[in-house]
Protein backbone atom coordinates (compact mmCIF):
# COMPACT_ATOMS: atom_id res chain seq x y z
CA MET A 1 -9.65 18.64 -30.78
CA LYS A 2 -9.23 16.13 -27.95
CA LYS A 3 -10.63 17.39 -24.66
CA LYS A 4 -7.95 17.98 -22.02
CA PRO A 5 -8.55 16.37 -18.62
CA ASN A 6 -8.67 18.36 -15.42
CA ILE A 7 -5.99 17.86 -12.77
CA VAL A 8 -6.20 18.00 -8.98
CA MET A 9 -2.87 17.95 -7.13
CA PHE A 10 -3.54 17.50 -3.41
CA VAL A 11 -0.30 17.98 -1.45
CA PRO A 12 -0.39 17.90 2.36
CA ASP A 13 2.83 18.93 4.09
CA SER A 14 4.84 16.37 6.09
CA TYR A 15 2.54 13.36 5.52
CA ARG A 16 4.47 10.15 6.21
CA GLY A 17 4.27 7.39 3.65
CA ASP A 18 3.14 4.77 6.16
CA VAL A 19 -0.05 6.47 7.45
CA LEU A 20 -2.42 4.76 5.01
CA GLY A 21 -5.06 2.23 5.95
CA HIS A 22 -5.13 0.54 2.55
CA GLN A 23 -1.44 -0.31 2.90
CA GLY A 24 -1.99 -2.22 6.10
CA ASN A 25 -1.62 0.38 8.85
CA ALA A 26 -4.45 -0.46 11.25
CA GLY A 27 -3.97 2.81 13.13
CA ALA A 28 -4.46 5.03 10.08
CA LEU A 29 -7.92 6.55 9.63
CA THR A 30 -7.95 7.20 5.87
CA PRO A 31 -11.32 6.02 4.51
CA ASN A 32 -11.39 8.37 1.52
CA LEU A 33 -7.93 7.42 0.31
CA ASP A 34 -8.69 3.75 0.96
CA THR A 35 -11.86 3.95 -1.11
CA ILE A 36 -10.34 5.65 -4.12
CA VAL A 37 -7.51 3.09 -4.21
CA ALA A 38 -9.99 0.22 -3.88
CA ASP A 39 -12.03 1.58 -6.79
CA ASP A 40 -9.88 3.51 -9.26
CA ALA A 41 -6.43 4.66 -8.08
CA VAL A 42 -2.92 3.29 -7.75
CA SER A 43 -1.05 3.72 -4.46
CA TYR A 44 2.75 3.46 -4.46
CA SER A 45 4.04 2.16 -1.15
CA ASN A 46 7.69 2.93 -1.94
CA ALA A 47 7.51 6.51 -3.18
CA PHE A 48 10.33 8.85 -2.15
CA ALA A 49 10.84 12.60 -2.03
CA GLN A 50 14.11 14.00 -3.35
CA ASN A 51 14.71 16.09 -0.23
CA PRO A 52 13.32 15.78 3.33
CA VAL A 53 12.58 19.53 3.50
CA CYS A 54 9.68 21.54 2.05
CA THR A 55 11.12 23.98 -0.50
CA PRO A 56 13.77 21.76 -2.14
CA SER A 57 11.28 18.92 -2.48
CA ARG A 58 8.62 21.14 -4.04
CA CYS A 59 11.06 22.71 -6.48
CA SER A 60 12.09 19.20 -7.46
CA PHE A 61 8.69 17.61 -8.10
CA MET A 62 7.36 20.71 -9.87
CA THR A 63 10.27 20.88 -12.31
CA GLY A 64 11.18 17.21 -12.61
CA TRP A 65 14.77 18.07 -11.64
CA TYR A 66 16.83 16.73 -8.78
CA PRO A 67 17.60 19.44 -6.19
CA HIS A 68 21.27 19.77 -7.19
CA VAL A 69 20.55 20.49 -10.85
CA HIS A 70 19.70 24.17 -10.40
CA GLY A 71 20.83 24.58 -6.82
CA HIS A 72 17.42 24.28 -5.18
CA ARG A 73 18.76 22.69 -2.00
CA SER A 74 17.73 25.25 0.60
CA MET A 75 14.59 26.62 2.22
CA ILE A 76 15.32 30.10 0.82
CA ASN A 77 16.08 29.43 -2.86
CA MET A 78 12.80 29.02 -4.74
CA LEU A 79 12.04 28.73 -8.45
CA LYS A 80 12.96 31.85 -10.40
CA GLU A 81 11.03 33.52 -13.20
CA HIS A 82 13.14 31.95 -15.96
CA GLU A 83 12.86 28.38 -14.64
CA PRO A 84 10.16 26.13 -16.12
CA SER A 85 7.78 24.06 -14.02
CA LEU A 86 4.59 22.07 -14.30
CA LEU A 87 2.67 25.25 -13.43
CA THR A 88 4.18 27.35 -16.21
CA VAL A 89 3.89 24.54 -18.76
CA LEU A 90 0.22 23.85 -17.99
CA LYS A 91 -0.53 27.57 -18.10
CA GLN A 92 0.98 27.68 -21.60
CA GLU A 93 -1.14 24.66 -22.51
CA GLY A 94 -4.32 26.60 -21.76
CA TYR A 95 -5.09 25.30 -18.28
CA TYR A 96 -6.84 27.50 -15.73
CA ILE A 97 -4.45 27.30 -12.77
CA TRP A 98 -6.05 27.65 -9.32
CA TRP A 99 -3.70 27.64 -6.33
CA GLY A 100 -5.00 27.35 -2.79
CA GLY A 101 -2.42 26.96 -0.04
CA LYS A 102 1.17 27.67 0.92
CA ASN A 103 4.04 28.67 -1.34
CA ASP A 104 7.52 27.30 -0.53
CA LEU A 105 7.92 26.97 -4.30
CA VAL A 106 8.33 30.16 -6.38
CA ARG A 107 10.00 33.53 -5.82
CA VAL A 108 7.50 36.35 -5.48
CA HIS A 109 8.12 39.95 -4.43
CA ARG A 110 4.48 41.04 -4.63
CA ARG A 111 1.26 39.09 -4.55
CA GLU A 112 0.61 39.81 -8.23
CA ASP A 113 3.81 37.92 -9.07
CA TYR A 114 1.83 34.71 -8.53
CA LEU A 115 0.05 35.47 -11.80
CA ARG A 116 3.14 34.23 -13.63
CA TYR A 117 2.24 30.78 -12.34
CA CYS A 118 -1.51 30.72 -11.81
CA ASP A 119 -4.72 32.47 -12.73
CA GLU A 120 -5.83 32.68 -9.12
CA LYS A 121 -3.84 32.52 -5.88
CA PHE A 122 -6.68 31.93 -3.46
CA SER A 123 -7.03 34.14 -0.36
CA PRO A 124 -8.97 32.16 2.26
CA GLY A 125 -10.88 34.94 3.98
CA GLY A 126 -14.47 36.18 4.15
CA LYS A 127 -17.10 33.47 4.06
CA TYR A 128 -14.44 30.76 4.21
CA THR A 129 -13.76 31.62 7.86
CA GLU A 130 -17.36 31.37 9.06
CA PHE A 131 -17.09 27.67 9.87
CA MET A 132 -14.19 28.11 12.33
CA GLU A 133 -15.58 26.39 15.43
CA TYR A 134 -12.62 24.93 17.30
CA LYS A 135 -10.69 26.67 20.05
CA GLN A 136 -6.97 26.78 20.68
CA PRO A 137 -5.75 24.45 23.44
CA PRO A 138 -4.30 26.03 26.58
CA ALA A 139 -0.61 26.88 26.44
CA LEU A 140 1.87 24.44 27.97
CA ALA A 141 3.61 25.40 31.17
CA PRO A 142 7.10 26.84 30.52
CA ASP A 143 8.81 23.76 31.97
CA ASP A 144 6.61 21.18 30.19
CA PRO A 145 8.97 18.80 28.34
CA ARG A 146 6.44 18.50 25.50
CA HIS A 147 7.73 21.84 24.19
CA GLY A 148 10.61 19.77 22.85
CA ALA A 149 8.17 17.46 21.06
CA PHE A 150 6.55 20.43 19.24
CA TYR A 151 3.36 19.50 21.05
CA LYS A 152 0.37 21.84 21.05
CA GLY A 153 -2.60 19.69 22.06
CA VAL A 154 -6.22 19.00 21.18
CA LEU A 155 -8.61 21.60 19.76
CA THR A 156 -12.03 21.60 21.42
CA ARG A 157 -15.37 23.32 20.96
CA ASP A 158 -15.28 24.79 24.45
CA ASP A 159 -16.63 28.28 24.94
CA GLU A 160 -13.34 29.53 26.30
CA GLY A 161 -10.25 30.21 24.25
CA ALA A 162 -9.40 31.92 20.97
CA LYS A 163 -10.75 30.50 17.73
CA HIS A 164 -8.41 28.31 15.72
CA TRP A 165 -7.64 29.53 12.21
CA ASP A 166 -8.15 26.53 9.91
CA GLY A 167 -6.52 27.62 6.67
CA ASP A 168 -6.51 24.13 5.15
CA THR A 169 -10.27 23.74 5.37
CA ALA A 170 -10.70 27.26 3.99
CA CYS A 171 -8.55 26.41 0.96
CA VAL A 172 -10.44 23.18 0.32
CA LEU A 173 -13.78 25.00 0.50
CA GLY A 174 -12.37 27.48 -1.99
CA ALA A 175 -11.31 24.61 -4.27
CA VAL A 176 -14.79 23.09 -4.06
CA ASP A 177 -16.30 26.43 -5.08
CA MET A 178 -13.85 26.70 -7.98
CA ILE A 179 -14.81 23.21 -9.17
CA LYS A 180 -18.50 24.16 -9.04
CA ASN A 181 -17.90 27.48 -10.82
CA ARG A 182 -15.01 26.45 -13.05
CA PRO A 183 -14.31 28.16 -16.39
CA SER A 184 -16.50 26.73 -19.13
CA ASP A 185 -13.84 27.03 -21.84
CA GLN A 186 -10.70 25.72 -20.07
CA PRO A 187 -9.55 22.60 -18.26
CA PHE A 188 -8.42 23.37 -14.72
CA PHE A 189 -5.40 22.51 -12.63
CA CYS A 190 -6.29 22.69 -8.93
CA TYR A 191 -3.14 22.87 -6.82
CA LEU A 192 -3.76 22.36 -3.09
CA PRO A 193 -0.48 22.55 -1.11
CA LEU A 194 -1.96 22.35 2.40
CA SER A 195 -0.19 23.03 5.69
CA LYS A 196 -1.00 19.93 7.74
CA PRO A 197 0.00 17.48 9.12
CA HIS A 198 3.10 19.64 9.49
CA PRO A 199 3.80 20.27 13.19
CA ALA A 200 3.15 21.80 15.64
CA TYR A 201 1.18 18.71 16.66
CA TYR A 202 -2.46 19.62 17.27
CA ALA A 203 -5.74 18.19 16.07
CA GLU A 204 -9.51 18.63 16.46
CA GLU A 205 -11.04 16.54 19.23
CA ASP A 206 -13.33 14.64 16.80
CA TYR A 207 -10.38 13.25 14.85
CA TYR A 208 -8.28 12.76 17.97
CA ASN A 209 -11.01 10.71 19.65
CA ALA A 210 -11.45 8.61 16.50
CA ILE A 211 -7.84 7.39 16.56
CA GLU A 212 -7.46 4.13 18.47
CA LEU A 213 -4.32 4.44 20.54
CA ASP A 214 -3.79 0.68 20.79
CA SER A 215 -3.80 0.35 16.99
CA LEU A 216 -0.93 2.76 16.42
CA PRO A 217 2.37 1.15 15.39
CA PRO A 218 5.28 1.50 17.80
CA ARG A 219 7.78 4.26 17.20
CA ILE A 220 11.37 3.51 16.24
CA PRO A 221 13.32 3.57 19.53
CA ASN A 222 16.49 5.47 20.28
CA PRO A 223 19.41 3.79 18.53
CA ALA A 224 21.97 2.07 20.71
CA LYS A 225 25.09 4.01 21.70
CA ASP A 226 27.16 2.02 19.21
CA ALA A 227 24.72 2.62 16.33
CA ASN A 228 27.24 5.01 14.72
CA LEU A 229 24.63 7.52 13.55
CA PRO A 230 25.41 11.22 12.91
CA GLU A 231 25.91 13.15 16.13
CA ILE A 232 23.36 15.82 15.26
CA LEU A 233 20.51 13.45 16.15
CA ALA A 234 21.83 13.10 19.70
CA GLY A 235 22.40 16.86 19.79
CA LEU A 236 18.79 17.51 18.86
CA ARG A 237 17.55 15.03 21.46
CA ALA A 238 19.58 16.84 24.09
CA GLU A 239 18.27 20.27 23.00
CA TYR A 240 14.68 19.02 22.95
CA ARG A 241 15.09 17.26 26.33
CA SER A 242 13.84 14.08 24.72
CA ASP A 243 14.81 12.00 27.75
CA ASP A 244 12.20 13.93 29.77
CA ILE A 245 9.44 13.15 27.27
CA THR A 246 7.74 9.98 28.46
CA GLU A 247 6.60 7.13 26.26
CA ASP A 248 2.96 8.11 26.94
CA MET A 249 3.74 11.63 25.74
CA TRP A 250 5.29 10.33 22.53
CA ARG A 251 2.29 8.06 22.00
CA ASP A 252 0.04 11.08 22.35
CA VAL A 253 2.13 12.95 19.78
CA LYS A 254 1.63 10.05 17.38
CA ARG A 255 -2.09 9.95 18.10
CA ILE A 256 -2.38 13.66 17.34
CA TYR A 257 -0.33 13.27 14.16
CA TYR A 258 -2.56 10.43 12.96
CA ALA A 259 -5.59 12.61 13.77
CA MET A 260 -4.08 15.38 11.64
CA CYS A 261 -3.67 12.88 8.80
CA ALA A 262 -7.29 11.79 9.26
CA LYS A 263 -8.35 15.43 8.92
CA ILE A 264 -6.38 15.66 5.67
CA ASP A 265 -8.14 12.52 4.42
CA GLY A 266 -11.49 14.14 5.20
CA LEU A 267 -10.54 17.27 3.23
CA PHE A 268 -9.40 15.10 0.34
CA GLY A 269 -12.80 13.41 0.38
CA MET A 270 -14.52 16.79 0.06
CA VAL A 271 -12.64 17.50 -3.18
CA VAL A 272 -13.38 14.03 -4.59
CA ASP A 273 -17.06 14.40 -3.72
CA ALA A 274 -17.20 17.78 -5.48
CA LEU A 275 -15.72 16.28 -8.64
CA LYS A 276 -18.28 13.49 -8.58
CA GLU A 277 -21.18 15.86 -7.96
CA GLU A 278 -20.12 17.95 -10.95
CA GLY A 279 -19.72 14.91 -13.20
CA LEU A 280 -15.97 15.53 -13.53
CA TYR A 281 -14.49 12.59 -11.63
CA ASP A 282 -13.93 10.36 -14.68
CA ASP A 283 -12.32 13.22 -16.60
CA THR A 284 -9.86 14.28 -13.89
CA TRP A 285 -6.37 13.32 -12.78
CA ILE A 286 -6.29 13.17 -8.97
CA LEU A 287 -2.87 13.05 -7.33
CA PHE A 288 -2.31 12.80 -3.58
CA PHE A 289 1.24 12.97 -2.25
CA SER A 290 3.40 14.89 0.21
CA ASP A 291 6.63 16.84 0.02
CA HIS A 292 8.27 14.81 2.82
CA GLY A 293 7.51 12.88 6.00
CA ASP A 294 7.91 13.47 9.74
CA PHE A 295 9.72 11.88 12.69
CA THR A 296 6.56 11.74 14.86
CA GLY A 297 8.60 10.43 17.79
CA ASP A 298 10.83 8.04 15.86
CA TYR A 299 14.33 8.13 17.38
CA SER A 300 12.73 10.34 20.12
CA LEU A 301 12.51 13.27 17.70
CA PRO A 302 9.70 15.46 16.35
CA GLU A 303 9.23 17.20 12.98
CA LYS A 304 12.21 16.77 10.62
CA VAL A 305 15.87 17.67 10.28
CA HIS A 306 17.83 19.28 7.43
CA THR A 307 20.72 16.83 7.65
CA ASN A 308 19.38 13.25 7.64
CA MET A 309 17.27 11.06 5.39
CA PRO A 310 15.65 8.16 7.26
CA ASP A 311 12.66 6.61 5.53
CA CYS A 312 10.25 8.32 7.93
CA LEU A 313 11.34 11.64 6.37
CA VAL A 314 11.76 10.78 2.69
CA ARG A 315 9.16 8.08 2.13
CA VAL A 316 5.81 9.65 1.22
CA PRO A 317 2.36 8.59 0.00
CA LEU A 318 1.75 8.67 -3.74
CA VAL A 319 -1.81 7.97 -4.88
CA ILE A 320 -2.70 8.53 -8.54
CA LYS A 321 -6.20 8.30 -10.01
CA PRO A 322 -6.03 8.89 -13.79
CA PRO A 323 -9.01 9.75 -15.99
CA ALA A 324 -11.18 6.83 -17.02
CA THR A 325 -9.70 6.92 -20.55
CA VAL A 326 -6.19 6.10 -19.22
CA PRO A 327 -5.53 2.36 -18.75
CA ALA A 328 -5.11 1.73 -15.02
CA LYS A 329 -5.15 -1.26 -12.69
CA HIS A 330 -6.12 0.04 -9.27
CA GLY A 331 -4.52 -1.11 -6.02
CA ASN A 332 -1.16 -1.01 -4.25
CA ARG A 333 2.19 -1.11 -6.04
CA GLN A 334 5.53 -1.95 -4.47
CA HIS A 335 7.72 -0.27 -7.10
CA LEU A 336 10.36 2.22 -6.09
CA THR A 337 9.17 5.59 -7.34
CA GLU A 338 10.29 9.20 -7.00
CA LEU A 339 8.25 12.38 -6.85
CA LEU A 340 10.00 13.47 -10.05
CA ASP A 341 7.99 10.75 -11.77
CA ILE A 342 4.80 12.75 -11.26
CA THR A 343 5.88 15.50 -13.66
CA ALA A 344 7.15 12.97 -16.19
CA THR A 345 3.88 11.02 -16.00
CA LEU A 346 1.68 14.06 -16.58
CA TYR A 347 3.79 15.33 -19.48
CA ASP A 348 3.67 11.86 -21.04
CA LEU A 349 -0.02 11.05 -20.62
CA LEU A 350 -1.19 14.59 -21.40
CA ASP A 351 0.93 14.41 -24.56
CA ILE A 352 2.77 17.60 -23.64
CA GLU A 353 6.22 18.54 -24.88
CA PRO A 354 7.29 20.82 -22.01
CA GLY A 355 10.15 22.47 -23.89
CA TYR A 356 12.85 21.48 -21.40
CA ALA A 357 14.66 18.34 -20.27
CA HIS A 358 13.29 16.73 -17.11
CA GLN A 359 14.62 13.76 -15.17
CA GLY A 360 11.69 11.69 -13.94
CA THR A 361 10.29 8.47 -15.38
CA SER A 362 6.72 8.16 -16.65
CA LEU A 363 4.51 5.76 -14.68
CA ARG A 364 2.31 5.05 -17.72
CA ASP A 365 3.04 1.32 -17.85
CA SER A 366 3.01 0.89 -14.08
CA LEU A 367 -0.40 2.53 -13.79
CA ALA A 368 -1.68 0.06 -16.37
CA GLY A 369 -0.49 -2.86 -14.25
CA ASP A 370 3.01 -3.61 -15.55
CA GLU A 371 5.02 -5.08 -12.66
CA THR A 372 8.42 -4.31 -14.20
CA ALA A 373 10.64 -2.32 -11.84
CA ILE A 374 10.66 1.41 -12.59
CA HIS A 375 13.90 2.30 -10.76
CA ASP A 376 16.69 0.11 -9.48
CA ALA A 377 17.32 2.81 -6.86
CA VAL A 378 15.90 6.14 -5.70
CA PHE A 379 17.87 9.21 -4.69
CA ALA A 380 17.62 12.16 -2.35
CA GLU A 381 19.91 14.84 -0.98
CA VAL A 382 19.96 17.26 1.92
CA GLY A 383 22.07 19.93 3.58
CA GLY A 384 24.56 22.59 2.53
CA ARG A 385 28.22 22.88 1.62
CA LYS A 386 30.85 24.15 4.01
CA GLY A 387 30.61 27.89 4.50
CA GLU A 388 27.68 28.14 2.09
CA GLU A 389 25.99 31.31 3.35
CA ALA A 390 23.27 31.05 0.70
CA PHE A 391 22.07 27.84 2.33
CA ARG A 392 21.53 29.23 5.81
CA ASN A 393 18.01 30.18 6.79
CA LYS A 394 18.88 33.12 9.02
CA GLN A 395 15.22 33.78 9.86
CA VAL A 396 15.58 31.37 12.77
CA LEU A 397 18.07 33.78 14.35
CA ASP A 398 15.26 36.32 14.79
CA MET A 399 12.93 33.86 16.54
CA PRO A 400 12.49 33.75 20.33
CA PRO A 401 15.25 31.53 21.73
CA THR A 402 12.72 29.18 23.34
CA SER A 403 10.77 28.61 20.10
CA PHE A 404 11.04 25.22 18.44
CA TYR A 405 12.86 26.36 15.30
CA ALA A 406 15.30 28.52 17.24
CA ARG A 407 16.18 25.46 19.31
CA GLN A 408 16.50 23.33 16.18
CA GLY A 409 18.66 25.95 14.49
CA LYS A 410 20.91 26.22 17.54
CA VAL A 411 21.99 22.64 16.92
CA ALA A 412 21.75 22.54 13.12
CA LEU A 413 23.36 25.82 12.02
CA PRO A 414 26.90 24.94 13.21
CA CYS A 415 26.54 21.63 11.40
CA HIS A 416 25.58 23.40 8.18
CA LEU A 417 28.51 25.83 8.46
CA GLU A 418 30.90 22.87 8.66
CA GLY A 419 29.21 21.19 5.69
CA SER A 420 26.09 19.06 6.05
CA HIS A 421 25.52 18.09 2.41
CA ALA A 422 24.62 14.42 2.03
CA VAL A 423 23.24 12.27 -0.78
CA MET A 424 21.22 9.07 -0.56
CA CYS A 425 20.98 6.02 -2.76
CA ARG A 426 18.24 3.61 -1.68
CA THR A 427 17.43 0.23 -3.22
CA THR A 428 14.83 -2.25 -2.04
CA LYS A 429 17.43 -3.87 0.22
CA HIS A 430 19.92 -1.21 1.27
CA LYS A 431 20.29 2.50 1.91
CA TYR A 432 23.57 4.34 1.49
CA VAL A 433 24.12 7.96 2.55
CA ARG A 434 27.38 9.62 1.59
CA ARG A 435 28.70 12.67 3.44
CA TYR A 436 31.61 14.46 1.79
CA TYR A 437 32.59 16.85 4.58
CA THR A 438 32.53 14.56 7.59
CA GLY A 439 33.13 11.21 5.92
CA HIS A 440 30.48 9.84 8.29
CA HIS A 441 28.71 7.72 5.69
CA GLU A 442 25.72 5.54 6.50
CA LEU A 443 24.77 2.08 5.25
CA PHE A 444 21.68 0.21 6.35
CA ASP A 445 20.52 -3.32 5.66
CA LEU A 446 16.81 -2.57 5.25
CA GLU A 447 15.75 -6.20 5.37
CA ALA A 448 17.42 -6.86 8.73
CA ASP A 449 17.06 -3.33 10.11
CA PRO A 450 14.08 -1.51 8.53
CA GLY A 451 14.22 1.15 11.26
CA GLU A 452 17.75 2.19 10.21
CA THR A 453 19.16 1.88 13.72
CA ARG A 454 22.55 0.23 12.92
CA ASN A 455 24.99 1.97 10.61
CA LEU A 456 27.03 -0.68 8.79
CA SER A 457 29.28 1.67 6.82
CA GLY A 458 32.83 0.36 7.03
CA HIS A 459 31.74 -3.09 8.18
CA PRO A 460 33.83 -5.69 6.29
CA ASP A 461 30.84 -7.95 5.64
CA TYR A 462 29.17 -5.12 3.71
CA ALA A 463 32.22 -3.76 1.88
CA ASP A 464 31.05 -4.96 -1.54
CA VAL A 465 27.55 -3.52 -1.04
CA GLU A 466 28.96 -0.17 0.06
CA ARG A 467 31.34 -0.04 -2.89
CA GLN A 468 28.54 -0.83 -5.35
CA LEU A 469 26.24 1.85 -3.93
CA ALA A 470 29.02 4.44 -3.93
CA MET A 471 29.57 3.70 -7.64
CA ARG A 472 25.83 3.92 -8.20
CA LEU A 473 25.91 7.41 -6.73
CA LEU A 474 28.74 8.36 -9.10
CA ASP A 475 26.66 7.12 -12.04
CA PHE A 476 23.68 9.06 -10.72
CA PHE A 477 25.56 12.36 -10.60
CA MET A 478 27.08 11.80 -14.04
CA HIS A 479 23.61 11.18 -15.41
CA THR A 480 21.82 14.05 -13.65
CA GLY A 481 24.50 16.71 -13.21
CA ASP A 482 22.85 19.20 -15.53
CA VAL A 483 20.17 19.66 -18.18
CA LEU A 484 20.78 21.21 -21.58
CA PRO A 485 18.35 23.90 -22.75
CA TYR A 486 16.32 22.94 -25.80
CA GLU A 487 16.69 26.30 -27.53
CA ALA A 488 19.85 26.54 -29.62
CA ASP A 489 21.82 29.81 -29.63
CA SER A 490 23.15 31.26 -32.87
CA ARG A 491 26.89 31.17 -33.53
CA ARG A 492 26.63 33.40 -36.61
CA ILE A 493 25.63 36.76 -35.17
């Protein structure tokens, strides 16, 4: 019987697609990712998530379904017991599933419910906390405008202050131990959904000091008053007091974010080194990608929003290192890709029939060097329907009113109640976002305006483009509206 390869799925939260040194960003400190792409891996520079928010995106890439197919469009509707996913399929295929990190994916009522999806849901305590050496930064003054930037500061090794809990490093150390003590009779699937570089923005002083401020790319500025963008962005800027946050403050936010990404790169290198030390590197799929991106000061905003889909939120890294037996031409690829393609690729190249219909496209030929376009367009969606109570994350109502998410929810919840659902169709040249409830559609010429600062929807010079993309969205929904179960039901009983 053919030996099954191991799989490592390394998934940081909120990692923007442009913070990669090997793709030309001089400010990015990503030596481990740069090395693996230079030697063995393929890095897709135009990879897109199917939702700019954690849970819907994760449900999508783990099933291979677009968020609308089974209603996984909200933060509070996770995969149910009857719904298939890459985890359940690989478990059935005999893989030892090790999960170290956050959930935001499956419904569990008790901790033992994780055993439906994995053999071990790692608890990062005990010896994995002994290395905690950094201290929390001092709290900001109540009137510091950086509260609105979700700023926390720089972690130091000073004697004063409470120790910082570093759950990501603990999970990676646990993964390294699993690799060294792996089951002898099973291939393993190591799933590492880490927490960073998700805000709040804070980073260890070593990584912060290593980021060269002058090498960081400029942020996308505030759009002009006649940019015709959705009003919620201006509402969030007002709530966050963005006008009081200076350019130097925003630059510091970006520096901290890049330092957080550098930390993630270092943790990724630890896993790669462990595979090499155990002689498993050539027999292992290694996938590095994120669930969505982050504003990081673009448009004078931090974090993300549950209503909009600029590239900084939906474009993500996608680095794939297949086993040595899989034909692959390492380096950067420009193809449009979707996170759904990950599930399709693994099912294809592992020769697995998952038992359900999925909607991604295998990257088999692209990995091997074929330059044929994979998608003519990529798609994403966000938001809820008018009056859709099941969409609302009411947990924010219980948060202190001055907390970041309470402030965000103050602006966003009324928008969701009125209907915030939007869908995106993005080609290499244009992006079209259609909004049913408000009719405030968006159209961007990405070649002339890569920062998406001028909405051209309704402009007569772009009428044909807008009409074509609207029809492309209709075709998309006709093609992806549902999936038929494979199992046939009897009509004779």
